[in-house]
Amino acid sequence: MTQEEKNPSEDRGKGHDDDVTLEIATPNGVFRGSFDKNDKVEKVIAKVVKDRDLAEGDAFELYFAEVQLEPVNRPLVSFGIKKGKYKLTLVATGSGV
């Protein structure tokens, strides 16, 4: 098979099947964005904290329904977040107040 005959999606890296759309309720409003299902929870938290202008020194926990997504070094897919849209909640747990 020549290069021209190959399926265009081959050798293109990650496909859209690896993306999940998250709607995350935070203390500063709702964050909406897409992540790779293999992204770690800590990466998601860091992006949401920065985007929603939350205090970066505070501790945050991410929840999927009633389940806390921890340890944060696990990928989203390990919590059953595989494909599609999900609603999560980001909770500040250590504000130092």
PDB file of N, CA and C in Angstrom:
ATOM      1  N   MET A   1       0.852  -1.183   0.000  1.00  0.00           N
ATOM      2  CA  MET A   1       0.000   0.000   0.000  1.00  0.00           C
ATOM      3  C   MET A   1       0.892   1.238   0.000  1.00  0.00           C
ATOM      4  N   THR A   2       0.596   2.174  -0.865  1.00  0.00           N
ATOM      5  CA  THR A   2       1.375   3.402  -0.929  1.00  0.00           C
ATOM      6  C   THR A   2       0.849   4.399   0.091  1.00  0.00           C
ATOM      7  N   GLN A   3       1.601   5.436   0.338  1.00  0.00           N
ATOM      8  CA  GLN A   3       1.181   6.476   1.282  1.00  0.00           C
ATOM      9  C   GLN A   3      -0.145   7.081   0.853  1.00  0.00           C
ATOM     10  N   GLU A   4      -0.355   7.255  -0.447  1.00  0.00           N
ATOM     11  CA  GLU A   4      -1.575   7.877  -0.937  1.00  0.00           C
ATOM     12  C   GLU A   4      -2.807   7.011  -0.673  1.00  0.00           C
ATOM     13  N   GLU A   5      -2.608   5.681  -0.594  1.00  0.00           N
ATOM     14  CA  GLU A   5      -3.723   4.771  -0.400  1.00  0.00           C
ATOM     15  C   GLU A   5      -4.093   4.584   1.074  1.00  0.00           C
ATOM     16  N   LYS A   6      -3.272   5.065   1.958  1.00  0.00           N
ATOM     17  CA  LYS A   6      -3.542   4.909   3.390  1.00  0.00           C
ATOM     18  C   LYS A   6      -4.769   5.697   3.798  1.00  0.00           C
ATOM     19  N   ASN A   7      -5.421   5.204   4.805  1.00  0.00           N
ATOM     20  CA  ASN A   7      -6.562   5.902   5.377  1.00  0.00           C
ATOM     21  C   ASN A   7      -6.073   7.247   5.907  1.00  0.00           C
ATOM     22  N   PRO A   8      -6.743   8.346   5.587  1.00  0.00           N
ATOM     23  CA  PRO A   8      -6.282   9.670   6.028  1.00  0.00           C
ATOM     24  C   PRO A   8      -6.168   9.803   7.541  1.00  0.00           C
ATOM     25  N   SER A   9      -6.932   9.001   8.286  1.00  0.00           N
ATOM     26  CA  SER A   9      -6.877   9.125   9.743  1.00  0.00           C
ATOM     27  C   SER A   9      -5.704   8.372  10.351  1.00  0.00           C
ATOM     28  N   GLU A  10      -5.037   7.521   9.582  1.00  0.00           N
ATOM     29  CA  GLU A  10      -3.897   6.789  10.105  1.00  0.00           C
ATOM     30  C   GLU A  10      -2.726   7.739  10.318  1.00  0.00           C
ATOM     31  N   ASP A  11      -1.942   7.457  11.334  1.00  0.00           N
ATOM     32  CA  ASP A  11      -0.734   8.241  11.627  1.00  0.00           C
ATOM     33  C   ASP A  11      -1.027   9.714  11.893  1.00  0.00           C
ATOM     34  N   ARG A  12      -2.206  10.030  12.373  1.00  0.00           N
ATOM     35  CA  ARG A  12      -2.557  11.428  12.647  1.00  0.00           C
ATOM     36  C   ARG A  12      -2.540  11.731  14.134  1.00  0.00           C
ATOM     37  N   GLY A  13      -2.182  10.774  14.956  1.00  0.00           N
ATOM     38  CA  GLY A  13      -2.190  11.023  16.397  1.00  0.00           C
ATOM     39  C   GLY A  13      -3.557  10.744  16.977  1.00  0.00           C
ATOM     40  N   LYS A  14      -3.852  11.397  18.084  1.00  0.00           N
ATOM     41  CA  LYS A  14      -5.110  11.174  18.780  1.00  0.00           C
ATOM     42  C   LYS A  14      -6.299  11.640  17.949  1.00  0.00           C
ATOM     43  N   GLY A  15      -7.364  10.872  18.017  1.00  0.00           N
ATOM     44  CA  GLY A  15      -8.583  11.242  17.311  1.00  0.00           C
ATOM     45  C   GLY A  15      -9.569  11.897  18.249  1.00  0.00           C
ATOM     46  N   HIS A  16     -10.705  12.268  17.708  1.00  0.00           N
ATOM     47  CA  HIS A  16     -11.739  12.913  18.517  1.00  0.00           C
ATOM     48  C   HIS A  16     -12.347  11.961  19.525  1.00  0.00           C
ATOM     49  N   ASP A  17     -12.175  10.653  19.326  1.00  0.00           N
ATOM     50  CA  ASP A  17     -12.707   9.680  20.276  1.00  0.00           C
ATOM     51  C   ASP A  17     -12.008   9.780  21.628  1.00  0.00           C
ATOM     52  N   ASP A  18     -10.862  10.432  21.679  1.00  0.00           N
ATOM     53  CA  ASP A  18     -10.123  10.591  22.925  1.00  0.00           C
ATOM     54  C   ASP A  18     -10.567  11.815  23.705  1.00  0.00           C
ATOM     55  N   ASP A  19     -11.434  12.655  23.123  1.00  0.00           N
ATOM     56  CA  ASP A  19     -11.856  13.902  23.760  1.00  0.00           C
ATOM     57  C   ASP A  19     -13.128  13.719  24.569  1.00  0.00           C
ATOM     58  N   VAL A  20     -13.167  14.393  25.707  1.00  0.00           N
ATOM     59  CA  VAL A  20     -14.379  14.466  26.518  1.00  0.00           C
ATOM     60  C   VAL A  20     -14.675  15.947  26.747  1.00  0.00           C
ATOM     61  N   THR A  21     -15.943  16.284  26.767  1.00  0.00           N
ATOM     62  CA  THR A  21     -16.355  17.655  27.034  1.00  0.00           C
ATOM     63  C   THR A  21     -16.834  17.719  28.480  1.00  0.00           C
ATOM     64  N   LEU A  22     -16.229  18.624  29.237  1.00  0.00           N
ATOM     65  CA  LEU A  22     -16.570  18.746  30.648  1.00  0.00           C
ATOM     66  C   LEU A  22     -17.247  20.074  30.923  1.00  0.00           C
ATOM     67  N   GLU A  23     -18.295  20.020  31.715  1.00  0.00           N
ATOM     68  CA  GLU A  23     -18.967  21.202  32.234  1.00  0.00           C
ATOM     69  C   GLU A  23     -18.775  21.117  33.742  1.00  0.00           C
ATOM     70  N   ILE A  24     -17.966  22.023  34.282  1.00  0.00           N
ATOM     71  CA  ILE A  24     -17.558  21.934  35.678  1.00  0.00           C
ATOM     72  C   ILE A  24     -18.073  23.129  36.464  1.00  0.00           C
ATOM     73  N   ALA A  25     -18.913  22.859  37.459  1.00  0.00           N
ATOM     74  CA  ALA A  25     -19.405  23.911  38.347  1.00  0.00           C
ATOM     75  C   ALA A  25     -18.282  24.279  39.309  1.00  0.00           C
ATOM     76  N   THR A  26     -18.009  25.586  39.434  1.00  0.00           N
ATOM     77  CA  THR A  26     -16.954  26.066  40.331  1.00  0.00           C
ATOM     78  C   THR A  26     -17.520  27.195  41.195  1.00  0.00           C
ATOM     79  N   PRO A  27     -16.780  27.597  42.225  1.00  0.00           N
ATOM     80  CA  PRO A  27     -17.224  28.747  43.026  1.00  0.00           C
ATOM     81  C   PRO A  27     -17.327  30.042  42.219  1.00  0.00           C
ATOM     82  N   ASN A  28     -16.644  30.123  41.078  1.00  0.00           N
ATOM     83  CA  ASN A  28     -16.674  31.329  40.230  1.00  0.00           C
ATOM     84  C   ASN A  28     -17.386  31.085  38.907  1.00  0.00           C
ATOM     85  N   GLY A  29     -18.399  30.254  38.900  1.00  0.00           N
ATOM     86  CA  GLY A  29     -19.164  30.011  37.684  1.00  0.00           C
ATOM     87  C   GLY A  29     -18.783  28.710  37.010  1.00  0.00           C
ATOM     88  N   VAL A  30     -19.420  28.461  35.888  1.00  0.00           N
ATOM     89  CA  VAL A  30     -19.250  27.194  35.182  1.00  0.00           C
ATOM     90  C   VAL A  30     -18.110  27.289  34.175  1.00  0.00           C
ATOM     91  N   PHE A  31     -17.254  26.268  34.188  1.00  0.00           N
ATOM     92  CA  PHE A  31     -16.180  26.112  33.201  1.00  0.00           C
ATOM     93  C   PHE A  31     -16.648  25.086  32.180  1.00  0.00           C
ATOM     94  N   ARG A  32     -16.445  25.368  30.903  1.00  0.00           N
ATOM     95  CA  ARG A  32     -16.737  24.413  29.842  1.00  0.00           C
ATOM     96  C   ARG A  32     -15.492  24.258  28.991  1.00  0.00           C
ATOM     97  N   GLY A  33     -15.117  23.010  28.743  1.00  0.00           N
ATOM     98  CA  GLY A  33     -13.946  22.775  27.918  1.00  0.00           C
ATOM     99  C   GLY A  33     -13.787  21.315  27.566  1.00  0.00           C
ATOM    100  N   SER A  34     -12.880  21.061  26.632  1.00  0.00           N
ATOM    101  CA  SER A  34     -12.599  19.701  26.193  1.00  0.00           C
ATOM    102  C   SER A  34     -11.220  19.273  26.674  1.00  0.00           C
ATOM    103  N   PHE A  35     -11.147  18.016  27.041  1.00  0.00           N
ATOM    104  CA  PHE A  35      -9.894  17.424  27.494  1.00  0.00           C
ATOM    105  C   PHE A  35      -9.740  16.057  26.844  1.00  0.00           C
ATOM    106  N   ASP A  36      -8.520  15.574  26.785  1.00  0.00           N
ATOM    107  CA  ASP A  36      -8.272  14.216  26.356  1.00  0.00           C
ATOM    108  C   ASP A  36      -8.678  13.298  27.507  1.00  0.00           C
ATOM    109  N   LYS A  37      -9.316  12.187  27.201  1.00  0.00           N
ATOM    110  CA  LYS A  37      -9.757  11.272  28.255  1.00  0.00           C
ATOM    111  C   LYS A  37      -8.593  10.725  29.063  1.00  0.00           C
ATOM    112  N   ASN A  38      -7.382  10.817  28.525  1.00  0.00           N
ATOM    113  CA  ASN A  38      -6.194  10.339  29.227  1.00  0.00           C
ATOM    114  C   ASN A  38      -5.501  11.422  30.048  1.00  0.00           C
ATOM    115  N   ASP A  39      -6.036  12.652  30.023  1.00  0.00           N
ATOM    116  CA  ASP A  39      -5.479  13.721  30.858  1.00  0.00           C
ATOM    117  C   ASP A  39      -5.703  13.373  32.321  1.00  0.00           C
ATOM    118  N   LYS A  40      -4.749  13.750  33.138  1.00  0.00           N
ATOM    119  CA  LYS A  40      -4.870  13.489  34.577  1.00  0.00           C
ATOM    120  C   LYS A  40      -5.779  14.524  35.236  1.00  0.00           C
ATOM    121  N   VAL A  41      -6.421  14.105  36.305  1.00  0.00           N
ATOM    122  CA  VAL A  41      -7.341  14.968  37.045  1.00  0.00           C
ATOM    123  C   VAL A  41      -6.635  16.246  37.484  1.00  0.00           C
ATOM    124  N   GLU A  42      -5.386  16.153  37.914  1.00  0.00           N
ATOM    125  CA  GLU A  42      -4.653  17.336  38.378  1.00  0.00           C
ATOM    126  C   GLU A  42      -4.499  18.370  37.262  1.00  0.00           C
ATOM    127  N   LYS A  43      -4.377  17.935  36.017  1.00  0.00           N
ATOM    128  CA  LYS A  43      -4.270  18.857  34.887  1.00  0.00           C
ATOM    129  C   LYS A  43      -5.606  19.587  34.680  1.00  0.00           C
ATOM    130  N   VAL A  44      -6.702  18.845  34.803  1.00  0.00           N
ATOM    131  CA  VAL A  44      -8.022  19.445  34.656  1.00  0.00           C
ATOM    132  C   VAL A  44      -8.246  20.495  35.741  1.00  0.00           C
ATOM    133  N   ILE A  45      -7.936  20.139  36.988  1.00  0.00           N
ATOM    134  CA  ILE A  45      -8.113  21.074  38.103  1.00  0.00           C
ATOM    135  C   ILE A  45      -7.289  22.338  37.878  1.00  0.00           C
ATOM    136  N   ALA A  46      -6.028  22.175  37.489  1.00  0.00           N
ATOM    137  CA  ALA A  46      -5.154  23.331  37.277  1.00  0.00           C
ATOM    138  C   ALA A  46      -5.697  24.257  36.188  1.00  0.00           C
ATOM    139  N   LYS A  47      -6.198  23.679  35.107  1.00  0.00           N
ATOM    140  CA  LYS A  47      -6.735  24.504  34.016  1.00  0.00           C
ATOM    141  C   LYS A  47      -7.997  25.244  34.456  1.00  0.00           C
ATOM    142  N   VAL A  48      -8.864  24.575  35.183  1.00  0.00           N
ATOM    143  CA  VAL A  48     -10.112  25.196  35.635  1.00  0.00           C
ATOM    144  C   VAL A  48      -9.813  26.313  36.640  1.00  0.00           C
ATOM    145  N   VAL A  49      -8.901  26.060  37.563  1.00  0.00           N
ATOM    146  CA  VAL A  49      -8.530  27.070  38.569  1.00  0.00           C
ATOM    147  C   VAL A  49      -8.005  28.326  37.884  1.00  0.00           C
ATOM    148  N   LYS A  50      -7.150  28.134  36.885  1.00  0.00           N
ATOM    149  CA  LYS A  50      -6.590  29.285  36.176  1.00  0.00           C
ATOM    150  C   LYS A  50      -7.661  30.003  35.353  1.00  0.00           C
ATOM    151  N   ASP A  51      -8.470  29.240  34.634  1.00  0.00           N
ATOM    152  CA  ASP A  51      -9.488  29.828  33.763  1.00  0.00           C
ATOM    153  C   ASP A  51     -10.547  30.591  34.547  1.00  0.00           C
ATOM    154  N   ARG A  52     -10.978  30.060  35.671  1.00  0.00           N
ATOM    155  CA  ARG A  52     -12.044  30.680  36.464  1.00  0.00           C
ATOM    156  C   ARG A  52     -11.494  31.647  37.505  1.00  0.00           C
ATOM    157  N   ASP A  53     -10.197  31.935  37.455  1.00  0.00           N
ATOM    158  CA  ASP A  53      -9.550  32.901  38.334  1.00  0.00           C
ATOM    159  C   ASP A  53      -9.780  32.573  39.815  1.00  0.00           C
ATOM    160  N   LEU A  54      -9.560  31.305  40.149  1.00  0.00           N
ATOM    161  CA  LEU A  54      -9.669  30.855  41.539  1.00  0.00           C
ATOM    162  C   LEU A  54      -8.300  30.977  42.209  1.00  0.00           C
ATOM    163  N   ALA A  55      -8.276  30.998  43.526  1.00  0.00           N
ATOM    164  CA  ALA A  55      -7.018  31.128  44.270  1.00  0.00           C
ATOM    165  C   ALA A  55      -6.175  29.877  44.078  1.00  0.00           C
ATOM    166  N   GLU A  56      -5.033  30.036  43.393  1.00  0.00           N
ATOM    167  CA  GLU A  56      -4.190  28.890  43.068  1.00  0.00           C
ATOM    168  C   GLU A  56      -3.587  28.230  44.296  1.00  0.00           C
ATOM    169  N   GLY A  57      -3.502  28.917  45.411  1.00  0.00           N
ATOM    170  CA  GLY A  57      -2.942  28.336  46.620  1.00  0.00           C
ATOM    171  C   GLY A  57      -3.926  27.471  47.385  1.00  0.00           C
ATOM    172  N   ASP A  58      -5.202  27.571  47.048  1.00  0.00           N
ATOM    173  CA  ASP A  58      -6.228  26.779  47.728  1.00  0.00           C
ATOM    174  C   ASP A  58      -6.198  25.335  47.253  1.00  0.00           C
ATOM    175  N   ALA A  59      -6.749  24.460  48.080  1.00  0.00           N
ATOM    176  CA  ALA A  59      -6.881  23.057  47.711  1.00  0.00           C
ATOM    177  C   ALA A  59      -8.253  22.852  47.080  1.00  0.00           C
ATOM    178  N   PHE A  60      -8.299  22.073  46.005  1.00  0.00           N
ATOM    179  CA  PHE A  60      -9.549  21.809  45.308  1.00  0.00           C
ATOM    180  C   PHE A  60      -9.732  20.314  45.104  1.00  0.00           C
ATOM    181  N   GLU A  61     -10.994  19.904  45.105  1.00  0.00           N
ATOM    182  CA  GLU A  61     -11.347  18.521  44.824  1.00  0.00           C
ATOM    183  C   GLU A  61     -12.340  18.523  43.675  1.00  0.00           C
ATOM    184  N   LEU A  62     -12.200  17.548  42.787  1.00  0.00           N
ATOM    185  CA  LEU A  62     -13.087  17.425  41.640  1.00  0.00           C
ATOM    186  C   LEU A  62     -13.998  16.221  41.852  1.00  0.00           C
ATOM    187  N   TYR A  63     -15.292  16.423  41.637  1.00  0.00           N
ATOM    188  CA  TYR A  63     -16.278  15.363  41.841  1.00  0.00           C
ATOM    189  C   TYR A  63     -17.028  15.057  40.557  1.00  0.00           C
ATOM    190  N   PHE A  64     -17.287  13.772  40.336  1.00  0.00           N
ATOM    191  CA  PHE A  64     -18.121  13.272  39.255  1.00  0.00           C
ATOM    192  C   PHE A  64     -19.289  12.586  39.947  1.00  0.00           C
ATOM    193  N   ALA A  65     -20.441  13.262  39.962  1.00  0.00           N
ATOM    194  CA  ALA A  65     -21.596  12.844  40.774  1.00  0.00           C
ATOM    195  C   ALA A  65     -21.154  12.877  42.234  1.00  0.00           C
ATOM    196  N   GLU A  66     -21.244  11.788  42.936  1.00  0.00           N
ATOM    197  CA  GLU A  66     -20.851  11.728  44.351  1.00  0.00           C
ATOM    198  C   GLU A  66     -19.419  11.244  44.546  1.00  0.00           C
ATOM    199  N   VAL A  67     -18.734  10.939  43.452  1.00  0.00           N
ATOM    200  CA  VAL A  67     -17.404  10.337  43.520  1.00  0.00           C
ATOM    201  C   VAL A  67     -16.318  11.398  43.422  1.00  0.00           C
ATOM    202  N   GLN A  68     -15.451  11.439  44.431  1.00  0.00           N
ATOM    203  CA  GLN A  68     -14.305  12.342  44.379  1.00  0.00           C
ATOM    204  C   GLN A  68     -13.256  11.713  43.475  1.00  0.00           C
ATOM    205  N   LEU A  69     -12.759  12.482  42.525  1.00  0.00           N
ATOM    206  CA  LEU A  69     -11.768  11.974  41.585  1.00  0.00           C
ATOM    207  C   LEU A  69     -10.381  12.084  42.208  1.00  0.00           C
ATOM    208  N   GLU A  70     -10.027  11.035  42.942  1.00  0.00           N
ATOM    209  CA  GLU A  70      -8.700  10.986  43.535  1.00  0.00           C
ATOM    210  C   GLU A  70      -8.215   9.560  43.547  1.00  0.00           C
ATOM    211  N   PRO A  71      -6.938   9.316  43.477  1.00  0.00           N
ATOM    212  CA  PRO A  71      -5.883  10.326  43.472  1.00  0.00           C
ATOM    213  C   PRO A  71      -5.868  11.122  42.165  1.00  0.00           C
ATOM    214  N   VAL A  72      -5.405  12.349  42.278  1.00  0.00           N
ATOM    215  CA  VAL A  72      -5.458  13.272  41.139  1.00  0.00           C
ATOM    216  C   VAL A  72      -4.449  12.942  40.049  1.00  0.00           C
ATOM    217  N   ASN A  73      -3.557  11.985  40.307  1.00  0.00           N
ATOM    218  CA  ASN A  73      -2.595  11.609  39.266  1.00  0.00           C
ATOM    219  C   ASN A  73      -3.138  10.499  38.362  1.00  0.00           C
ATOM    220  N   ARG A  74      -4.423  10.156  38.523  1.00  0.00           N
ATOM    221  CA  ARG A  74      -5.069   9.183  37.644  1.00  0.00           C
ATOM    222  C   ARG A  74      -5.727   9.909  36.476  1.00  0.00           C
ATOM    223  N   PRO A  75      -5.801   9.250  35.309  1.00  0.00           N
ATOM    224  CA  PRO A  75      -6.457   9.864  34.155  1.00  0.00           C
ATOM    225  C   PRO A  75      -7.978   9.843  34.285  1.00  0.00           C
ATOM    226  N   LEU A  76      -8.627  10.734  33.579  1.00  0.00           N
ATOM    227  CA  LEU A  76     -10.087  10.821  33.598  1.00  0.00           C
ATOM    228  C   LEU A  76     -10.732   9.480  33.247  1.00  0.00           C
ATOM    229  N   VAL A  77     -10.184   8.805  32.246  1.00  0.00           N
ATOM    230  CA  VAL A  77     -10.772   7.549  31.774  1.00  0.00           C
ATOM    231  C   VAL A  77     -10.822   6.490  32.879  1.00  0.00           C
ATOM    232  N   SER A  78      -9.918   6.555  33.837  1.00  0.00           N
ATOM    233  CA  SER A  78      -9.901   5.568  34.919  1.00  0.00           C
ATOM    234  C   SER A  78     -11.093   5.730  35.870  1.00  0.00           C
ATOM    235  N   PHE A  79     -11.797   6.838  35.751  1.00  0.00           N
ATOM    236  CA  PHE A  79     -13.002   7.085  36.554  1.00  0.00           C
ATOM    237  C   PHE A  79     -14.270   6.869  35.727  1.00  0.00           C
ATOM    238  N   GLY A  80     -14.134   6.314  34.536  1.00  0.00           N
ATOM    239  CA  GLY A  80     -15.285   6.053  33.684  1.00  0.00           C
ATOM    240  C   GLY A  80     -15.647   7.203  32.764  1.00  0.00           C
ATOM    241  N   ILE A  81     -14.813   8.233  32.717  1.00  0.00           N
ATOM    242  CA  ILE A  81     -15.046   9.382  31.832  1.00  0.00           C
ATOM    243  C   ILE A  81     -14.326   9.066  30.529  1.00  0.00           C
ATOM    244  N   LYS A  82     -15.084   8.548  29.562  1.00  0.00           N
ATOM    245  CA  LYS A  82     -14.471   7.992  28.358  1.00  0.00           C
ATOM    246  C   LYS A  82     -14.747   8.768  27.087  1.00  0.00           C
ATOM    247  N   LYS A  83     -15.993   9.158  26.880  1.00  0.00           N
ATOM    248  CA  LYS A  83     -16.372   9.813  25.629  1.00  0.00           C
ATOM    249  C   LYS A  83     -17.678  10.538  25.868  1.00  0.00           C
ATOM    250  N   GLY A  84     -17.797  11.727  25.301  1.00  0.00           N
ATOM    251  CA  GLY A  84     -19.047  12.462  25.435  1.00  0.00           C
ATOM    252  C   GLY A  84     -18.928  13.653  26.355  1.00  0.00           C
ATOM    253  N   LYS A  85     -20.084  14.023  26.956  1.00  0.00           N
ATOM    254  CA  LYS A  85     -20.157  15.201  27.823  1.00  0.00           C
ATOM    255  C   LYS A  85     -20.432  14.762  29.249  1.00  0.00           C
ATOM    256  N   TYR A  86     -19.779  15.441  30.188  1.00  0.00           N
ATOM    257  CA  TYR A  86     -19.932  15.118  31.608  1.00  0.00           C
ATOM    258  C   TYR A  86     -20.062  16.395  32.418  1.00  0.00           C
ATOM    259  N   LYS A  87     -20.840  16.308  33.502  1.00  0.00           N
ATOM    260  CA  LYS A  87     -20.957  17.426  34.436  1.00  0.00           C
ATOM    261  C   LYS A  87     -20.212  17.048  35.709  1.00  0.00           C
ATOM    262  N   LEU A  88     -19.280  17.926  36.100  1.00  0.00           N
ATOM    263  CA  LEU A  88     -18.471  17.711  37.292  1.00  0.00           C
ATOM    264  C   LEU A  88     -18.612  18.915  38.210  1.00  0.00           C
ATOM    265  N   THR A  89     -18.085  18.785  39.417  1.00  0.00           N
ATOM    266  CA  THR A  89     -18.103  19.882  40.381  1.00  0.00           C
ATOM    267  C   THR A  89     -16.719  20.035  40.981  1.00  0.00           C
ATOM    268  N   LEU A  90     -16.234  21.276  41.015  1.00  0.00           N
ATOM    269  CA  LEU A  90     -14.962  21.594  41.647  1.00  0.00           C
ATOM    270  C   LEU A  90     -15.253  22.278  42.976  1.00  0.00           C
ATOM    271  N   VAL A  91     -14.718  21.721  44.046  1.00  0.00           N
ATOM    272  CA  VAL A  91     -14.985  22.213  45.394  1.00  0.00           C
ATOM    273  C   VAL A  91     -13.691  22.680  46.037  1.00  0.00           C
ATOM    274  N   ALA A  92     -13.701  23.891  46.600  1.00  0.00           N
ATOM    275  CA  ALA A  92     -12.550  24.394  47.352  1.00  0.00           C
ATOM    276  C   ALA A  92     -12.597  23.758  48.741  1.00  0.00           C
ATOM    277  N   THR A  93     -11.468  23.159  49.146  1.00  0.00           N
ATOM    278  CA  THR A  93     -11.456  22.448  50.422  1.00  0.00           C
ATOM    279  C   THR A  93     -10.518  23.055  51.448  1.00  0.00           C
ATOM    280  N   GLY A  94      -9.615  23.906  51.031  1.00  0.00           N
ATOM    281  CA  GLY A  94      -8.654  24.472  51.966  1.00  0.00           C
ATOM    282  C   GLY A  94      -8.343  25.902  51.635  1.00  0.00           C
ATOM    283  N   SER A  95      -9.184  26.808  52.065  1.00  0.00           N
ATOM    284  CA  SER A  95      -8.989  28.207  51.687  1.00  0.00           C
ATOM    285  C   SER A  95      -8.066  28.950  52.630  1.00  0.00           C
ATOM    286  N   GLY A  96      -7.690  28.322  53.740  1.00  0.00           N
ATOM    287  CA  GLY A  96      -6.794  28.967  54.664  1.00  0.00           C
ATOM    288  C   GLY A  96      -7.430  30.115  55.420  1.00  0.00           C
ATOM    289  N   VAL A  97      -8.745  30.203  55.412  1.00  0.00           N
ATOM    290  CA  VAL A  97      -9.466  31.274  56.104  1.00  0.00           C
ATOM    291  C   VAL A  97      -9.714  30.881  57.534  1.00  0.00           C
TER     292      VAL A  97
END
